[in-house]
Amino acid sequence: TNIGSILASVNPYRAIPGLYGVDAMELYRQHRLGELPPHIFATANECYCCLWKRHDSQCVLISGESGAGKTESTKLLLKFLSAMSQTSLGAPVSEKSTHVEEAILES
């Protein structure tokens, strides 16, 4: 759920097909925060939009107990930001992996 601009999420401890796929990325890329159900991609898209359209610095704080999904949330956020940066350069969102994504995730 969203609490203002804060996303509160729960680790389901299982894969949910389609929840974090390319189609979900494309859907959340096309909408502003609050227009669709709460999602990590909505938060990432808001950061991306504020960064590039308003030139505002951005920070995302991901916290929680051990096993809450912080690492996975971080990977998903970076995956979205990487895909959007590649889209702005003309590459398709459906591209599974990018040089930017690989470099960030490997670090």
PDB file of N, CA and C in Angstrom:
ATOM      1  N   THR A   1       0.841  -1.179   0.000  1.00  0.00           N
ATOM      2  CA  THR A   1       0.000   0.000   0.000  1.00  0.00           C
ATOM      3  C   THR A   1       0.885   1.241   0.000  1.00  0.00           C
ATOM      4  N   ASN A   2       0.335   2.339  -0.452  1.00  0.00           N
ATOM      5  CA  ASN A   2       1.033   3.622  -0.389  1.00  0.00           C
ATOM      6  C   ASN A   2       0.548   4.400   0.813  1.00  0.00           C
ATOM      7  N   ILE A   3       1.470   5.063   1.463  1.00  0.00           N
ATOM      8  CA  ILE A   3       1.158   5.995   2.541  1.00  0.00           C
ATOM      9  C   ILE A   3       1.795   7.304   2.093  1.00  0.00           C
ATOM     10  N   GLY A   4       1.038   8.109   1.366  1.00  0.00           N
ATOM     11  CA  GLY A   4       1.613   9.282   0.724  1.00  0.00           C
ATOM     12  C   GLY A   4       2.570   8.815  -0.359  1.00  0.00           C
ATOM     13  N   SER A   5       3.807   9.273  -0.286  1.00  0.00           N
ATOM     14  CA  SER A   5       4.802   8.823  -1.264  1.00  0.00           C
ATOM     15  C   SER A   5       5.598   7.624  -0.760  1.00  0.00           C
ATOM     16  N   ILE A   6       5.177   7.042   0.354  1.00  0.00           N
ATOM     17  CA  ILE A   6       5.862   5.886   0.940  1.00  0.00           C
ATOM     18  C   ILE A   6       5.169   4.601   0.491  1.00  0.00           C
ATOM     19  N   LEU A   7       5.943   3.650   0.040  1.00  0.00           N
ATOM     20  CA  LEU A   7       5.425   2.338  -0.351  1.00  0.00           C
ATOM     21  C   LEU A   7       5.715   1.357   0.778  1.00  0.00           C
ATOM     22  N   ALA A   8       4.679   0.764   1.327  1.00  0.00           N
ATOM     23  CA  ALA A   8       4.834  -0.278   2.344  1.00  0.00           C
ATOM     24  C   ALA A   8       4.496  -1.601   1.680  1.00  0.00           C
ATOM     25  N   SER A   9       5.463  -2.510   1.644  1.00  0.00           N
ATOM     26  CA  SER A   9       5.249  -3.788   0.951  1.00  0.00           C
ATOM     27  C   SER A   9       5.630  -4.955   1.848  1.00  0.00           C
ATOM     28  N   VAL A  10       5.135  -6.123   1.474  1.00  0.00           N
ATOM     29  CA  VAL A  10       5.376  -7.346   2.224  1.00  0.00           C
ATOM     30  C   VAL A  10       5.982  -8.378   1.277  1.00  0.00           C
ATOM     31  N   ASN A  11       7.001  -9.073   1.742  1.00  0.00           N
ATOM     32  CA  ASN A  11       7.622 -10.134   0.959  1.00  0.00           C
ATOM     33  C   ASN A  11       6.683 -11.347   0.958  1.00  0.00           C
ATOM     34  N   PRO A  12       6.185 -11.781  -0.219  1.00  0.00           N
ATOM     35  CA  PRO A  12       5.272 -12.937  -0.249  1.00  0.00           C
ATOM     36  C   PRO A  12       6.001 -14.276  -0.133  1.00  0.00           C
ATOM     37  N   TYR A  13       7.334 -14.257  -0.165  1.00  0.00           N
ATOM     38  CA  TYR A  13       8.157 -15.462  -0.071  1.00  0.00           C
ATOM     39  C   TYR A  13       7.847 -16.477  -1.171  1.00  0.00           C
ATOM     40  N   ARG A  14       7.359 -15.989  -2.296  1.00  0.00           N
ATOM     41  CA  ARG A  14       7.135 -16.839  -3.471  1.00  0.00           C
ATOM     42  C   ARG A  14       7.071 -15.934  -4.686  1.00  0.00           C
ATOM     43  N   ALA A  15       7.349 -16.517  -5.829  1.00  0.00           N
ATOM     44  CA  ALA A  15       7.281 -15.753  -7.078  1.00  0.00           C
ATOM     45  C   ALA A  15       5.826 -15.538  -7.481  1.00  0.00           C
ATOM     46  N   ILE A  16       5.508 -14.347  -7.936  1.00  0.00           N
ATOM     47  CA  ILE A  16       4.176 -14.038  -8.444  1.00  0.00           C
ATOM     48  C   ILE A  16       4.351 -13.707  -9.924  1.00  0.00           C
ATOM     49  N   PRO A  17       3.938 -14.627 -10.810  1.00  0.00           N
ATOM     50  CA  PRO A  17       4.167 -14.440 -12.251  1.00  0.00           C
ATOM     51  C   PRO A  17       3.610 -13.107 -12.768  1.00  0.00           C
ATOM     52  N   GLY A  18       4.439 -12.415 -13.552  1.00  0.00           N
ATOM     53  CA  GLY A  18       4.018 -11.181 -14.202  1.00  0.00           C
ATOM     54  C   GLY A  18       4.088  -9.937 -13.345  1.00  0.00           C
ATOM     55  N   LEU A  19       4.321 -10.074 -12.061  1.00  0.00           N
ATOM     56  CA  LEU A  19       4.301  -8.916 -11.168  1.00  0.00           C
ATOM     57  C   LEU A  19       5.454  -7.956 -11.443  1.00  0.00           C
ATOM     58  N   TYR A  20       6.589  -8.473 -11.865  1.00  0.00           N
ATOM     59  CA  TYR A  20       7.759  -7.633 -12.089  1.00  0.00           C
ATOM     60  C   TYR A  20       8.319  -7.756 -13.493  1.00  0.00           C
ATOM     61  N   GLY A  21       7.510  -8.185 -14.435  1.00  0.00           N
ATOM     62  CA  GLY A  21       7.963  -8.380 -15.812  1.00  0.00           C
ATOM     63  C   GLY A  21       8.006  -7.100 -16.623  1.00  0.00           C
ATOM     64  N   VAL A  22       8.370  -7.261 -17.878  1.00  0.00           N
ATOM     65  CA  VAL A  22       8.481  -6.142 -18.807  1.00  0.00           C
ATOM     66  C   VAL A  22       7.137  -5.432 -18.981  1.00  0.00           C
ATOM     67  N   ASP A  23       6.054  -6.191 -19.022  1.00  0.00           N
ATOM     68  CA  ASP A  23       4.733  -5.574 -19.173  1.00  0.00           C
ATOM     69  C   ASP A  23       4.403  -4.671 -17.985  1.00  0.00           C
ATOM     70  N   ALA A  24       4.752  -5.113 -16.788  1.00  0.00           N
ATOM     71  CA  ALA A  24       4.515  -4.290 -15.594  1.00  0.00           C
ATOM     72  C   ALA A  24       5.368  -3.025 -15.639  1.00  0.00           C
ATOM     73  N   MET A  25       6.617  -3.158 -16.085  1.00  0.00           N
ATOM     74  CA  MET A  25       7.480  -1.983 -16.212  1.00  0.00           C
ATOM     75  C   MET A  25       6.878  -0.974 -17.174  1.00  0.00           C
ATOM     76  N   GLU A  26       6.418  -1.450 -18.308  1.00  0.00           N
ATOM     77  CA  GLU A  26       5.836  -0.566 -19.319  1.00  0.00           C
ATOM     78  C   GLU A  26       4.569   0.108 -18.786  1.00  0.00           C
ATOM     79  N   LEU A  27       3.740  -0.642 -18.082  1.00  0.00           N
ATOM     80  CA  LEU A  27       2.501  -0.098 -17.526  1.00  0.00           C
ATOM     81  C   LEU A  27       2.794   1.030 -16.535  1.00  0.00           C
ATOM     82  N   TYR A  28       3.698   0.794 -15.610  1.00  0.00           N
ATOM     83  CA  TYR A  28       4.002   1.799 -14.596  1.00  0.00           C
ATOM     84  C   TYR A  28       4.801   2.966 -15.155  1.00  0.00           C
ATOM     85  N   ARG A  29       5.507   2.747 -16.242  1.00  0.00           N
ATOM     86  CA  ARG A  29       6.241   3.838 -16.897  1.00  0.00           C
ATOM     87  C   ARG A  29       5.280   4.874 -17.458  1.00  0.00           C
ATOM     88  N   GLN A  30       4.106   4.435 -17.837  1.00  0.00           N
ATOM     89  CA  GLN A  30       3.137   5.309 -18.505  1.00  0.00           C
ATOM     90  C   GLN A  30       2.206   6.042 -17.535  1.00  0.00           C
ATOM     91  N   HIS A  31       2.331   5.803 -16.240  1.00  0.00           N
ATOM     92  CA  HIS A  31       1.427   6.414 -15.269  1.00  0.00           C
ATOM     93  C   HIS A  31       2.188   7.080 -14.126  1.00  0.00           C
ATOM     94  N   ARG A  32       1.564   8.067 -13.536  1.00  0.00           N
ATOM     95  CA  ARG A  32       2.139   8.765 -12.399  1.00  0.00           C
ATOM     96  C   ARG A  32       1.828   8.018 -11.099  1.00  0.00           C
ATOM     97  N   LEU A  33       2.544   8.338 -10.062  1.00  0.00           N
ATOM     98  CA  LEU A  33       2.350   7.728  -8.756  1.00  0.00           C
ATOM     99  C   LEU A  33       0.909   7.943  -8.284  1.00  0.00           C
ATOM    100  N   GLY A  34       0.247   6.858  -7.896  1.00  0.00           N
ATOM    101  CA  GLY A  34      -1.116   6.926  -7.403  1.00  0.00           C
ATOM    102  C   GLY A  34      -2.182   6.616  -8.437  1.00  0.00           C
ATOM    103  N   GLU A  35      -1.815   6.583  -9.710  1.00  0.00           N
ATOM    104  CA  GLU A  35      -2.795   6.286 -10.761  1.00  0.00           C
ATOM    105  C   GLU A  35      -3.074   4.797 -10.885  1.00  0.00           C
ATOM    106  N   LEU A  36      -2.127   3.975 -10.476  1.00  0.00           N
ATOM    107  CA  LEU A  36      -2.256   2.516 -10.514  1.00  0.00           C
ATOM    108  C   LEU A  36      -2.057   1.979  -9.099  1.00  0.00           C
ATOM    109  N   PRO A  37      -2.350   0.708  -8.875  1.00  0.00           N
ATOM    110  CA  PRO A  37      -2.114   0.134  -7.547  1.00  0.00           C
ATOM    111  C   PRO A  37      -0.646   0.296  -7.114  1.00  0.00           C
ATOM    112  N   PRO A  38      -0.382   0.349  -5.814  1.00  0.00           N
ATOM    113  CA  PRO A  38       0.986   0.520  -5.309  1.00  0.00           C
ATOM    114  C   PRO A  38       1.931  -0.562  -5.854  1.00  0.00           C
ATOM    115  N   HIS A  39       3.149  -0.148  -6.191  1.00  0.00           N
ATOM    116  CA  HIS A  39       4.128  -1.070  -6.779  1.00  0.00           C
ATOM    117  C   HIS A  39       5.503  -0.425  -6.697  1.00  0.00           C
ATOM    118  N   ILE A  40       6.537  -1.222  -6.593  1.00  0.00           N
ATOM    119  CA  ILE A  40       7.908  -0.700  -6.564  1.00  0.00           C
ATOM    120  C   ILE A  40       8.237   0.046  -7.850  1.00  0.00           C
ATOM    121  N   PHE A  41       7.633  -0.373  -8.973  1.00  0.00           N
ATOM    122  CA  PHE A  41       7.873   0.315 -10.241  1.00  0.00           C
ATOM    123  C   PHE A  41       7.241   1.704 -10.246  1.00  0.00           C
ATOM    124  N   ALA A  42       6.138   1.902  -9.531  1.00  0.00           N
ATOM    125  CA  ALA A  42       5.520   3.226  -9.428  1.00  0.00           C
ATOM    126  C   ALA A  42       6.458   4.175  -8.681  1.00  0.00           C
ATOM    127  N   THR A  43       7.062   3.675  -7.613  1.00  0.00           N
ATOM    128  CA  THR A  43       8.016   4.469  -6.849  1.00  0.00           C
ATOM    129  C   THR A  43       9.235   4.796  -7.698  1.00  0.00           C
ATOM    130  N   ALA A  44       9.742   3.801  -8.411  1.00  0.00           N
ATOM    131  CA  ALA A  44      10.905   4.005  -9.277  1.00  0.00           C
ATOM    132  C   ALA A  44      10.597   4.998 -10.386  1.00  0.00           C
ATOM    133  N   ASN A  45       9.410   4.906 -10.965  1.00  0.00           N
ATOM    134  CA  ASN A  45       9.032   5.826 -12.037  1.00  0.00           C
ATOM    135  C   ASN A  45       8.933   7.257 -11.519  1.00  0.00           C
ATOM    136  N   GLU A  46       8.407   7.432 -10.323  1.00  0.00           N
ATOM    137  CA  GLU A  46       8.321   8.772  -9.734  1.00  0.00           C
ATOM    138  C   GLU A  46       9.718   9.356  -9.544  1.00  0.00           C
ATOM    139  N   CYS A  47      10.649   8.544  -9.070  1.00  0.00           N
ATOM    140  CA  CYS A  47      12.035   8.994  -8.914  1.00  0.00           C
ATOM    141  C   CYS A  47      12.634   9.392 -10.250  1.00  0.00           C
ATOM    142  N   TYR A  48      12.422   8.544 -11.237  1.00  0.00           N
ATOM    143  CA  TYR A  48      12.984   8.797 -12.569  1.00  0.00           C
ATOM    144  C   TYR A  48      12.424  10.092 -13.145  1.00  0.00           C
ATOM    145  N   CYS A  49      11.112  10.271 -13.028  1.00  0.00           N
ATOM    146  CA  CYS A  49      10.478  11.482 -13.565  1.00  0.00           C
ATOM    147  C   CYS A  49      10.985  12.736 -12.857  1.00  0.00           C
ATOM    148  N   CYS A  50      11.071  12.678 -11.534  1.00  0.00           N
ATOM    149  CA  CYS A  50      11.561  13.838 -10.782  1.00  0.00           C
ATOM    150  C   CYS A  50      13.013  14.143 -11.110  1.00  0.00           C
ATOM    151  N   LEU A  51      13.790  13.117 -11.325  1.00  0.00           N
ATOM    152  CA  LEU A  51      15.205  13.298 -11.635  1.00  0.00           C
ATOM    153  C   LEU A  51      15.394  13.991 -12.979  1.00  0.00           C
ATOM    154  N   TRP A  52      14.697  13.532 -14.000  1.00  0.00           N
ATOM    155  CA  TRP A  52      14.932  14.036 -15.351  1.00  0.00           C
ATOM    156  C   TRP A  52      14.046  15.198 -15.770  1.00  0.00           C
ATOM    157  N   LYS A  53      12.809  15.231 -15.295  1.00  0.00           N
ATOM    158  CA  LYS A  53      11.908  16.297 -15.728  1.00  0.00           C
ATOM    159  C   LYS A  53      12.034  17.549 -14.859  1.00  0.00           C
ATOM    160  N   ARG A  54      12.244  17.368 -13.558  1.00  0.00           N
ATOM    161  CA  ARG A  54      12.347  18.518 -12.661  1.00  0.00           C
ATOM    162  C   ARG A  54      13.780  18.764 -12.191  1.00  0.00           C
ATOM    163  N   HIS A  55      14.695  17.884 -12.564  1.00  0.00           N
ATOM    164  CA  HIS A  55      16.109  17.991 -12.189  1.00  0.00           C
ATOM    165  C   HIS A  55      16.294  18.036 -10.675  1.00  0.00           C
ATOM    166  N   ASP A  56      15.435  17.266  -9.961  1.00  0.00           N
ATOM    167  CA  ASP A  56      15.546  17.151  -8.511  1.00  0.00           C
ATOM    168  C   ASP A  56      16.347  15.899  -8.166  1.00  0.00           C
ATOM    169  N   SER A  57      17.297  16.026  -7.250  1.00  0.00           N
ATOM    170  CA  SER A  57      18.028  14.856  -6.766  1.00  0.00           C
ATOM    171  C   SER A  57      17.048  13.906  -6.087  1.00  0.00           C
ATOM    172  N   GLN A  58      17.326  12.614  -6.161  1.00  0.00           N
ATOM    173  CA  GLN A  58      16.422  11.612  -5.610  1.00  0.00           C
ATOM    174  C   GLN A  58      17.167  10.674  -4.678  1.00  0.00           C
ATOM    175  N   CYS A  59      16.439  10.167  -3.702  1.00  0.00           N
ATOM    176  CA  CYS A  59      16.952   9.178  -2.773  1.00  0.00           C
ATOM    177  C   CYS A  59      15.819   8.217  -2.449  1.00  0.00           C
ATOM    178  N   VAL A  60      16.096   6.925  -2.461  1.00  0.00           N
ATOM    179  CA  VAL A  60      15.102   5.928  -2.086  1.00  0.00           C
ATOM    180  C   VAL A  60      15.651   5.184  -0.886  1.00  0.00           C
ATOM    181  N   LEU A  61      14.879   5.153   0.176  1.00  0.00           N
ATOM    182  CA  LEU A  61      15.255   4.434   1.386  1.00  0.00           C
ATOM    183  C   LEU A  61      14.473   3.133   1.420  1.00  0.00           C
ATOM    184  N   ILE A  62      15.176   2.018   1.464  1.00  0.00           N
ATOM    185  CA  ILE A  62      14.550   0.698   1.539  1.00  0.00           C
ATOM    186  C   ILE A  62      14.978   0.086   2.863  1.00  0.00           C
ATOM    187  N   SER A  63      14.009  -0.167   3.737  1.00  0.00           N
ATOM    188  CA  SER A  63      14.346  -0.717   5.045  1.00  0.00           C
ATOM    189  C   SER A  63      13.395  -1.844   5.398  1.00  0.00           C
ATOM    190  N   GLY A  64      13.770  -2.607   6.404  1.00  0.00           N
ATOM    191  CA  GLY A  64      12.927  -3.702   6.861  1.00  0.00           C
ATOM    192  C   GLY A  64      13.730  -4.724   7.633  1.00  0.00           C
ATOM    193  N   GLU A  65      13.012  -5.670   8.189  1.00  0.00           N
ATOM    194  CA  GLU A  65      13.622  -6.757   8.952  1.00  0.00           C
ATOM    195  C   GLU A  65      14.419  -7.680   8.022  1.00  0.00           C
ATOM    196  N   SER A  66      15.212  -8.546   8.602  1.00  0.00           N
ATOM    197  CA  SER A  66      15.931  -9.556   7.841  1.00  0.00           C
ATOM    198  C   SER A  66      14.928 -10.443   7.111  1.00  0.00           C
ATOM    199  N   GLY A  67      15.144 -10.640   5.820  1.00  0.00           N
ATOM    200  CA  GLY A  67      14.241 -11.473   5.026  1.00  0.00           C
ATOM    201  C   GLY A  67      13.029 -10.742   4.497  1.00  0.00           C
ATOM    202  N   ALA A  68      12.962  -9.435   4.700  1.00  0.00           N
ATOM    203  CA  ALA A  68      11.788  -8.663   4.269  1.00  0.00           C
ATOM    204  C   ALA A  68      11.771  -8.407   2.763  1.00  0.00           C
ATOM    205  N   GLY A  69      12.914  -8.589   2.097  1.00  0.00           N
ATOM    206  CA  GLY A  69      12.965  -8.383   0.652  1.00  0.00           C
ATOM    207  C   GLY A  69      13.668  -7.106   0.229  1.00  0.00           C
ATOM    208  N   LYS A  70      14.519  -6.560   1.091  1.00  0.00           N
ATOM    209  CA  LYS A  70      15.217  -5.317   0.773  1.00  0.00           C
ATOM    210  C   LYS A  70      16.117  -5.463  -0.451  1.00  0.00           C
ATOM    211  N   THR A  71      16.866  -6.539  -0.510  1.00  0.00           N
ATOM    212  CA  THR A  71      17.776  -6.748  -1.634  1.00  0.00           C
ATOM    213  C   THR A  71      16.996  -6.922  -2.929  1.00  0.00           C
ATOM    214  N   GLU A  72      15.939  -7.705  -2.896  1.00  0.00           N
ATOM    215  CA  GLU A  72      15.122  -7.902  -4.101  1.00  0.00           C
ATOM    216  C   GLU A  72      14.453  -6.599  -4.530  1.00  0.00           C
ATOM    217  N   SER A  73      13.980  -5.819  -3.574  1.00  0.00           N
ATOM    218  CA  SER A  73      13.367  -4.528  -3.894  1.00  0.00           C
ATOM    219  C   SER A  73      14.379  -3.601  -4.556  1.00  0.00           C
ATOM    220  N   THR A  74      15.598  -3.595  -4.035  1.00  0.00           N
ATOM    221  CA  THR A  74      16.656  -2.770  -4.617  1.00  0.00           C
ATOM    222  C   THR A  74      16.950  -3.200  -6.043  1.00  0.00           C
ATOM    223  N   LYS A  75      17.046  -4.503  -6.278  1.00  0.00           N
ATOM    224  CA  LYS A  75      17.292  -5.015  -7.631  1.00  0.00           C
ATOM    225  C   LYS A  75      16.180  -4.609  -8.588  1.00  0.00           C
ATOM    226  N   LEU A  76      14.934  -4.700  -8.131  1.00  0.00           N
ATOM    227  CA  LEU A  76      13.801  -4.332  -8.983  1.00  0.00           C
ATOM    228  C   LEU A  76      13.802  -2.842  -9.301  1.00  0.00           C
ATOM    229  N   LEU A  77      14.105  -2.031  -8.317  1.00  0.00           N
ATOM    230  CA  LEU A  77      14.176  -0.595  -8.523  1.00  0.00           C
ATOM    231  C   LEU A  77      15.263  -0.250  -9.533  1.00  0.00           C
ATOM    232  N   LEU A  78      16.434  -0.852  -9.374  1.00  0.00           N
ATOM    233  CA  LEU A  78      17.538  -0.599 -10.303  1.00  0.00           C
ATOM    234  C   LEU A  78      17.237  -1.144 -11.696  1.00  0.00           C
ATOM    235  N   LYS A  79      16.556  -2.271 -11.764  1.00  0.00           N
ATOM    236  CA  LYS A  79      16.166  -2.841 -13.053  1.00  0.00           C
ATOM    237  C   LYS A  79      15.244  -1.874 -13.797  1.00  0.00           C
ATOM    238  N   PHE A  80      14.275  -1.305 -13.084  1.00  0.00           N
ATOM    239  CA  PHE A  80      13.352  -0.352 -13.689  1.00  0.00           C
ATOM    240  C   PHE A  80      14.098   0.894 -14.156  1.00  0.00           C
ATOM    241  N   LEU A  81      14.926   1.465 -13.286  1.00  0.00           N
ATOM    242  CA  LEU A  81      15.659   2.678 -13.649  1.00  0.00           C
ATOM    243  C   LEU A  81      16.585   2.438 -14.832  1.00  0.00           C
ATOM    244  N   SER A  82      17.213   1.289 -14.858  1.00  0.00           N
ATOM    245  CA  SER A  82      18.092   0.948 -15.971  1.00  0.00           C
ATOM    246  C   SER A  82      17.306   0.829 -17.275  1.00  0.00           C
ATOM    247  N   ALA A  83      16.169   0.151 -17.216  1.00  0.00           N
ATOM    248  CA  ALA A  83      15.332  -0.003 -18.411  1.00  0.00           C
ATOM    249  C   ALA A  83      14.839   1.346 -18.903  1.00  0.00           C
ATOM    250  N   MET A  84      14.461   2.234 -18.000  1.00  0.00           N
ATOM    251  CA  MET A  84      13.968   3.546 -18.407  1.00  0.00           C
ATOM    252  C   MET A  84      15.083   4.388 -19.005  1.00  0.00           C
ATOM    253  N   SER A  85      16.289   4.279 -18.464  1.00  0.00           N
ATOM    254  CA  SER A  85      17.393   5.045 -19.029  1.00  0.00           C
ATOM    255  C   SER A  85      17.731   4.545 -20.425  1.00  0.00           C
ATOM    256  N   GLN A  86      17.626   3.245 -20.652  1.00  0.00           N
ATOM    257  CA  GLN A  86      17.874   2.696 -21.975  1.00  0.00           C
ATOM    258  C   GLN A  86      16.755   3.077 -22.942  1.00  0.00           C
ATOM    259  N   THR A  87      15.508   3.139 -22.452  1.00  0.00           N
ATOM    260  CA  THR A  87      14.373   3.548 -23.280  1.00  0.00           C
ATOM    261  C   THR A  87      14.558   4.981 -23.746  1.00  0.00           C
ATOM    262  N   SER A  88      15.056   5.837 -22.858  1.00  0.00           N
ATOM    263  CA  SER A  88      15.257   7.235 -23.228  1.00  0.00           C
ATOM    264  C   SER A  88      16.340   7.376 -24.292  1.00  0.00           C
ATOM    265  N   LEU A  89      17.188   6.364 -24.397  1.00  0.00           N
ATOM    266  CA  LEU A  89      18.219   6.364 -25.432  1.00  0.00           C
ATOM    267  C   LEU A  89      17.745   5.692 -26.713  1.00  0.00           C
ATOM    268  N   GLY A  90      16.495   5.218 -26.719  1.00  0.00           N
ATOM    269  CA  GLY A  90      15.939   4.616 -27.917  1.00  0.00           C
ATOM    270  C   GLY A  90      15.891   3.107 -27.908  1.00  0.00           C
ATOM    271  N   ALA A  91      16.379   2.456 -26.874  1.00  0.00           N
ATOM    272  CA  ALA A  91      16.340   0.993 -26.800  1.00  0.00           C
ATOM    273  C   ALA A  91      14.960   0.556 -26.304  1.00  0.00           C
ATOM    274  N   PRO A  92      14.472  -0.604 -26.730  1.00  0.00           N
ATOM    275  CA  PRO A  92      13.153  -1.076 -26.294  1.00  0.00           C
ATOM    276  C   PRO A  92      13.164  -1.518 -24.834  1.00  0.00           C
ATOM    277  N   VAL A  93      12.015  -1.307 -24.133  1.00  0.00           N
ATOM    278  CA  VAL A  93      11.880  -1.723 -22.736  1.00  0.00           C
ATOM    279  C   VAL A  93      12.014  -3.231 -22.618  1.00  0.00           C
ATOM    280  N   SER A  94      11.645  -3.956 -23.669  1.00  0.00           N
ATOM    281  CA  SER A  94      11.667  -5.417 -23.628  1.00  0.00           C
ATOM    282  C   SER A  94      13.076  -5.996 -23.578  1.00  0.00           C
ATOM    283  N   GLU A  95      14.088  -5.136 -23.753  1.00  0.00           N
ATOM    284  CA  GLU A  95      15.469  -5.600 -23.674  1.00  0.00           C
ATOM    285  C   GLU A  95      15.712  -6.190 -22.290  1.00  0.00           C
ATOM    286  N   LYS A  96      16.078  -7.467 -22.238  1.00  0.00           N
ATOM    287  CA  LYS A  96      16.189  -8.186 -20.967  1.00  0.00           C
ATOM    288  C   LYS A  96      17.297  -7.651 -20.070  1.00  0.00           C
ATOM    289  N   SER A  97      18.404  -7.282 -20.640  1.00  0.00           N
ATOM    290  CA  SER A  97      19.532  -6.838 -19.842  1.00  0.00           C
ATOM    291  C   SER A  97      20.252  -5.721 -20.585  1.00  0.00           C
ATOM    292  N   THR A  98      20.739  -4.756 -19.863  1.00  0.00           N
ATOM    293  CA  THR A  98      21.459  -3.656 -20.467  1.00  0.00           C
ATOM    294  C   THR A  98      22.840  -3.556 -19.837  1.00  0.00           C
ATOM    295  N   HIS A  99      23.714  -2.841 -20.499  1.00  0.00           N
ATOM    296  CA  HIS A  99      25.049  -2.645 -19.951  1.00  0.00           C
ATOM    297  C   HIS A  99      24.985  -1.896 -18.634  1.00  0.00           C
ATOM    298  N   VAL A 100      24.100  -0.908 -18.535  1.00  0.00           N
ATOM    299  CA  VAL A 100      23.951  -0.143 -17.304  1.00  0.00           C
ATOM    300  C   VAL A 100      23.462  -1.060 -16.188  1.00  0.00           C
ATOM    301  N   GLU A 101      22.428  -1.844 -16.461  1.00  0.00           N
ATOM    302  CA  GLU A 101      21.877  -2.765 -15.457  1.00  0.00           C
ATOM    303  C   GLU A 101      22.930  -3.749 -14.987  1.00  0.00           C
ATOM    304  N   GLU A 102      23.663  -4.330 -15.938  1.00  0.00           N
ATOM    305  CA  GLU A 102      24.689  -5.310 -15.580  1.00  0.00           C
ATOM    306  C   GLU A 102      25.748  -4.685 -14.685  1.00  0.00           C
ATOM    307  N   ALA A 103      26.190  -3.482 -15.020  1.00  0.00           N
ATOM    308  CA  ALA A 103      27.231  -2.823 -14.235  1.00  0.00           C
ATOM    309  C   ALA A 103      26.749  -2.517 -12.821  1.00  0.00           C
ATOM    310  N   ILE A 104      25.512  -2.035 -12.693  1.00  0.00           N
ATOM    311  CA  ILE A 104      24.986  -1.698 -11.368  1.00  0.00           C
ATOM    312  C   ILE A 104      24.790  -2.950 -10.537  1.00  0.00           C
ATOM    313  N   LEU A 105      24.149  -3.953 -11.122  1.00  0.00           N
ATOM    314  CA  LEU A 105      23.853  -5.161 -10.365  1.00  0.00           C
ATOM    315  C   LEU A 105      25.097  -5.945  -9.989  1.00  0.00           C
ATOM    316  N   GLU A 106      26.120  -5.905 -10.830  1.00  0.00           N
ATOM    317  CA  GLU A 106      27.369  -6.576 -10.498  1.00  0.00           C
ATOM    318  C   GLU A 106      28.102  -5.880  -9.360  1.00  0.00           C
ATOM    319  N   SER A 107      27.904  -4.579  -9.232  1.00  0.00           N
ATOM    320  CA  SER A 107      28.577  -3.848  -8.157  1.00  0.00           C
ATOM    321  C   SER A 107      27.959  -4.188  -6.811  1.00  0.00           C
TER     322      SER A 107
END
